[in-house]
Amino acid sequence: MTVIAKLSSIRILVAHNHPALRLHLRAALNALGYEVIEAETCIQAINIMHARKVSAIIIDGDAPDFLSASPLSVRNSTINASTPSIVLTKARTISSINNSFNPELDDYLLKPFGIEVLARNIKGVLKKTNNKPKVSLGSTTICSQRGTITIDGLASKIPARQMQILITLASHAPRAVGNELFAHTLGLQGAPINKIDATIKSLISRLRKELRDSGSDVHIKTIRGYGYRAQAAQTEPSK
């Protein structure tokens, strides 16, 4: 009972166009203690990824709309930018996932497979993404556990909410991060848009000052109408 209660907070999105297989996956994952959200198509999965934060995503890589609307390719623009995925695929179609597959976040599973193998892969991607207490950007090392940034061996303490913003930016650098993801990170879902925007803007302003005062080479650029991007002074953002 204790294990089930603990796992129930882990929400998994399952995107598969076959109802019977989707039902089988839901039943198996529920039995393991996971909460499951179902999507019939990749398009539906993308809509869910914009609206709800999940812990992991299981996608049928052989779905009819996978190549035209892969959830992996749009993940960075959703609140699930750092959510790991497991792609279910046949050996002959594995090359189709390469364009948007991120080995730091993702895994794949060849069909057919057993539920015990899937369970092991889920644990693997969750452990891989949750076990990163430090992120480096330029000459700055950011430690979320201690709430510090370290430059040339000198550590500076960063307030908790500013650290949440910084670790989110650094984890996705040099890609831009939307205000939607910041709102989720800060627990502001459901708040009025103007309040969310004002809170994020204020935290970004104070964070910029903290970075300047500490001598960090990390700069935060405003992406009008979307959010912010962090990059080291000598780097150029990817397009």
Protein backbone atom coordinates (compact mmCIF):
# COMPACT_ATOMS: atom_id res chain seq x y z
CA MET A 1 0.00 0.00 0.00
CA THR A 2 2.80 2.43 0.80
CA VAL A 3 4.47 1.88 -2.57
CA ILE A 4 1.21 2.32 -4.46
CA ALA A 5 0.41 5.56 -2.63
CA LYS A 6 3.85 6.92 -3.43
CA LEU A 7 3.71 5.98 -7.12
CA SER A 8 0.22 7.38 -7.62
CA SER A 9 1.71 10.87 -7.88
CA ILE A 10 3.64 9.73 -10.98
CA ARG A 11 1.44 10.55 -13.95
CA ILE A 12 2.18 8.86 -17.28
CA LEU A 13 0.76 9.90 -20.64
CA VAL A 14 0.14 6.93 -22.96
CA ALA A 15 -0.34 7.82 -26.64
CA HIS A 16 -1.49 4.82 -28.70
CA ASN A 17 -4.12 4.57 -31.44
CA HIS A 18 -5.12 0.97 -30.64
CA PRO A 19 -7.87 0.96 -27.94
CA ALA A 20 -7.25 -2.59 -26.73
CA LEU A 21 -3.49 -2.07 -26.36
CA ARG A 22 -4.08 1.28 -24.67
CA LEU A 23 -6.44 -0.39 -22.21
CA HIS A 24 -3.85 -3.13 -21.58
CA LEU A 25 -1.14 -0.56 -20.86
CA ARG A 26 -3.44 1.42 -18.57
CA ALA A 27 -4.37 -1.66 -16.56
CA ALA A 28 -0.76 -2.80 -16.24
CA LEU A 29 0.55 0.65 -15.25
CA ASN A 30 -2.31 1.21 -12.81
CA ALA A 31 -1.44 -2.14 -11.21
CA LEU A 32 2.10 -0.85 -10.76
CA GLY A 33 0.72 2.24 -9.02
CA TYR A 34 1.03 4.81 -11.82
CA GLU A 35 -1.68 7.27 -12.81
CA VAL A 36 -2.38 7.07 -16.55
CA ILE A 37 -3.68 9.65 -19.02
CA GLU A 38 -4.64 8.26 -22.43
CA ALA A 39 -4.35 9.84 -25.88
CA GLU A 40 -5.69 8.22 -29.05
CA THR A 41 -3.44 10.20 -31.40
CA CYS A 42 -0.17 12.12 -31.30
CA ILE A 43 -2.11 15.35 -31.88
CA GLN A 44 -4.24 14.62 -28.81
CA ALA A 45 -1.07 13.83 -26.84
CA ILE A 46 0.41 17.20 -27.80
CA ASN A 47 -2.72 19.00 -26.59
CA ILE A 48 -2.46 17.18 -23.27
CA MET A 49 1.25 18.03 -23.02
CA HIS A 50 0.38 21.72 -23.29
CA ALA A 51 -2.30 21.47 -20.60
CA ARG A 52 -0.99 19.00 -17.99
CA LYS A 53 2.41 18.21 -16.51
CA VAL A 54 3.24 14.50 -16.60
CA SER A 55 6.18 12.49 -15.28
CA ALA A 56 6.77 10.40 -18.40
CA ILE A 57 5.31 9.89 -21.87
CA ILE A 58 4.85 6.58 -23.69
CA ILE A 59 4.35 7.03 -27.44
CA ASP A 60 3.58 4.56 -30.19
CA GLY A 61 6.28 5.39 -32.73
CA ASP A 62 4.32 3.53 -35.40
CA ALA A 63 1.19 5.67 -34.99
CA PRO A 64 -0.23 7.05 -38.28
CA ASP A 65 0.48 10.67 -37.28
CA PHE A 66 3.81 10.15 -35.49
CA LEU A 67 5.97 11.52 -38.32
CA SER A 68 3.70 14.49 -39.03
CA ALA A 69 2.97 15.38 -35.39
CA SER A 70 5.55 13.77 -33.14
CA PRO A 71 5.09 14.80 -29.48
CA LEU A 72 8.89 14.69 -29.18
CA SER A 73 9.38 17.43 -31.77
CA VAL A 74 7.09 19.92 -30.02
CA ARG A 75 7.90 18.94 -26.44
CA ASN A 76 10.20 21.93 -25.85
CA SER A 77 7.31 24.36 -26.40
CA THR A 78 5.11 22.69 -23.75
CA ILE A 79 5.16 22.54 -19.96
CA ASN A 80 6.64 19.05 -20.42
CA ALA A 81 9.88 20.28 -22.02
CA SER A 82 12.00 18.17 -19.65
CA THR A 83 9.65 15.17 -19.46
CA PRO A 84 11.23 11.88 -20.62
CA SER A 85 9.57 9.71 -23.26
CA ILE A 86 9.64 6.05 -24.18
CA VAL A 87 8.92 5.35 -27.85
CA LEU A 88 7.37 1.99 -28.68
CA THR A 89 8.61 0.95 -32.13
CA LYS A 90 9.38 -1.87 -34.51
CA ALA A 91 13.03 -2.53 -35.37
CA ARG A 92 12.52 -1.54 -39.01
CA THR A 93 11.00 1.86 -38.11
CA ILE A 94 13.40 2.91 -35.35
CA SER A 95 15.16 5.40 -37.65
CA SER A 96 11.98 7.50 -37.77
CA ILE A 97 12.48 8.67 -34.18
CA ASN A 98 16.02 9.96 -34.64
CA ASN A 99 15.25 13.58 -35.59
CA SER A 100 13.61 14.49 -32.29
CA PHE A 101 14.96 11.73 -30.03
CA ASN A 102 17.01 13.14 -27.13
CA PRO A 103 19.21 10.46 -25.50
CA GLU A 104 19.36 12.51 -22.29
CA LEU A 105 15.59 12.36 -21.90
CA ASP A 106 14.36 9.46 -23.96
CA ASP A 107 14.38 5.72 -24.41
CA TYR A 108 12.80 3.32 -26.89
CA LEU A 109 11.36 -0.16 -26.59
CA LEU A 110 11.21 -2.64 -29.45
CA LYS A 111 7.92 -4.43 -30.07
CA PRO A 112 6.84 -6.91 -28.86
CA PHE A 113 7.75 -6.34 -25.22
CA GLY A 114 6.70 -7.48 -21.77
CA ILE A 115 5.18 -5.20 -19.16
CA GLU A 116 8.07 -5.98 -16.79
CA VAL A 117 10.48 -4.59 -19.41
CA LEU A 118 8.37 -1.46 -19.87
CA ALA A 119 8.25 -0.97 -16.09
CA ARG A 120 12.04 -1.19 -15.97
CA ASN A 121 12.39 1.38 -18.77
CA ILE A 122 9.99 3.76 -17.01
CA LYS A 123 12.04 3.58 -13.82
CA GLY A 124 15.16 4.16 -15.90
CA VAL A 125 13.99 7.38 -17.60
CA LEU A 126 12.53 8.75 -14.36
CA LYS A 127 15.80 8.12 -12.52
CA LYS A 128 17.82 9.61 -15.35
CA THR A 129 15.89 12.90 -15.34
CA ASN A 130 15.42 13.22 -11.59
CA ASN A 131 19.05 12.64 -10.68
CA LYS A 132 20.58 15.90 -11.91
CA PRO A 133 21.15 18.19 -8.91
CA LYS A 134 23.75 20.24 -10.82
CA VAL A 135 23.61 22.03 -14.16
CA SER A 136 26.48 23.96 -15.76
CA LEU A 137 26.10 26.91 -18.11
CA GLY A 138 29.19 28.81 -19.23
CA SER A 139 31.48 29.24 -16.23
CA THR A 140 28.57 28.92 -13.80
CA THR A 141 27.61 25.73 -11.95
CA ILE A 142 24.06 25.73 -10.59
CA CYS A 143 23.18 23.42 -7.69
CA SER A 144 19.46 23.17 -7.06
CA GLN A 145 19.88 21.09 -3.89
CA ARG A 146 22.03 23.71 -2.16
CA GLY A 147 20.45 26.69 -3.89
CA THR A 148 23.82 28.04 -5.02
CA ILE A 149 25.68 29.15 -8.10
CA THR A 150 29.44 28.58 -8.19
CA ILE A 151 31.91 30.58 -10.27
CA ASP A 152 35.69 29.97 -10.05
CA GLY A 153 35.17 28.04 -6.81
CA LEU A 154 33.18 30.83 -5.14
CA ALA A 155 29.59 29.89 -4.23
CA SER A 156 26.72 32.38 -3.92
CA LYS A 157 23.31 31.63 -2.44
CA ILE A 158 20.26 32.27 -4.64
CA PRO A 159 16.72 32.71 -3.20
CA ALA A 160 14.53 29.65 -3.72
CA ARG A 161 12.08 31.02 -6.31
CA GLN A 162 14.87 32.61 -8.33
CA MET A 163 16.67 29.27 -8.23
CA GLN A 164 13.56 27.57 -9.63
CA ILE A 165 13.63 30.00 -12.56
CA LEU A 166 17.38 29.63 -13.07
CA ILE A 167 17.48 25.83 -12.99
CA THR A 168 14.58 25.73 -15.48
CA LEU A 169 16.37 28.12 -17.83
CA ALA A 170 19.73 26.35 -17.52
CA SER A 171 18.22 22.89 -18.02
CA HIS A 172 16.79 23.96 -21.38
CA ALA A 173 19.55 26.34 -22.55
CA PRO A 174 20.05 27.57 -25.17
CA ARG A 175 16.40 26.90 -26.01
CA ALA A 176 13.81 29.43 -24.92
CA VAL A 177 11.44 28.63 -22.04
CA GLY A 178 7.83 29.77 -22.18
CA ASN A 179 5.97 31.47 -19.34
CA GLU A 180 3.61 28.48 -19.24
CA LEU A 181 6.42 26.24 -17.99
CA PHE A 182 7.59 28.86 -15.48
CA ALA A 183 4.03 29.10 -14.14
CA HIS A 184 3.96 25.36 -13.54
CA THR A 185 7.43 25.40 -11.97
CA LEU A 186 6.37 28.15 -9.57
CA GLY A 187 3.00 26.57 -8.76
CA LEU A 188 1.03 29.43 -10.33
CA GLN A 189 -1.34 27.35 -12.46
CA GLY A 190 -4.82 28.83 -12.40
CA ALA A 191 -3.65 32.29 -11.34
CA PRO A 192 -4.64 35.30 -13.48
CA ILE A 193 -2.36 35.75 -16.49
CA ASN A 194 -1.36 39.27 -15.46
CA LYS A 195 -0.31 38.00 -12.02
CA ILE A 196 1.72 35.17 -13.55
CA ASP A 197 3.47 37.52 -15.98
CA ALA A 198 4.21 40.09 -13.27
CA THR A 199 5.61 37.45 -10.89
CA ILE A 200 7.87 35.93 -13.54
CA LYS A 201 9.05 39.35 -14.71
CA SER A 202 9.91 40.38 -11.14
CA LEU A 203 11.81 37.14 -10.44
CA ILE A 204 13.72 37.40 -13.73
CA SER A 205 14.70 40.99 -12.92
CA ARG A 206 16.03 40.02 -9.49
CA LEU A 207 17.75 36.94 -10.90
CA ARG A 208 19.55 39.03 -13.51
CA LYS A 209 20.87 41.25 -10.73
CA GLU A 210 22.01 38.22 -8.70
CA LEU A 211 23.89 36.89 -11.74
CA ARG A 212 25.54 40.26 -12.46
CA ASP A 213 26.56 40.76 -8.83
CA SER A 214 28.10 37.27 -8.68
CA GLY A 215 30.14 37.83 -11.86
CA SER A 216 28.32 35.12 -13.81
CA ASP A 217 28.64 35.06 -17.61
CA VAL A 218 25.05 33.81 -17.88
CA HIS A 219 22.67 36.27 -19.52
CA ILE A 220 18.87 36.02 -19.66
CA LYS A 221 17.25 37.29 -22.84
CA THR A 222 13.57 38.23 -23.09
CA ILE A 223 11.72 36.50 -25.94
CA ARG A 224 8.82 38.88 -26.50
CA GLY A 225 5.42 37.23 -26.37
CA TYR A 226 6.85 33.89 -25.26
CA GLY A 227 9.28 33.79 -22.34
CA TYR A 228 13.04 33.86 -21.72
CA ARG A 229 16.28 32.22 -22.78
CA ALA A 230 19.52 31.79 -20.80
CA GLN A 231 22.91 31.55 -22.47
CA ALA A 232 26.55 32.08 -21.62
CA ALA A 233 28.04 35.28 -23.02
CA GLN A 234 30.22 33.54 -25.61
CA THR A 235 27.54 31.19 -26.97
CA GLU A 236 24.91 31.66 -29.65
CA PRO A 237 21.39 30.24 -29.23
CA SER A 238 20.39 27.34 -31.44
CA LYS A 239 17.67 27.99 -33.98
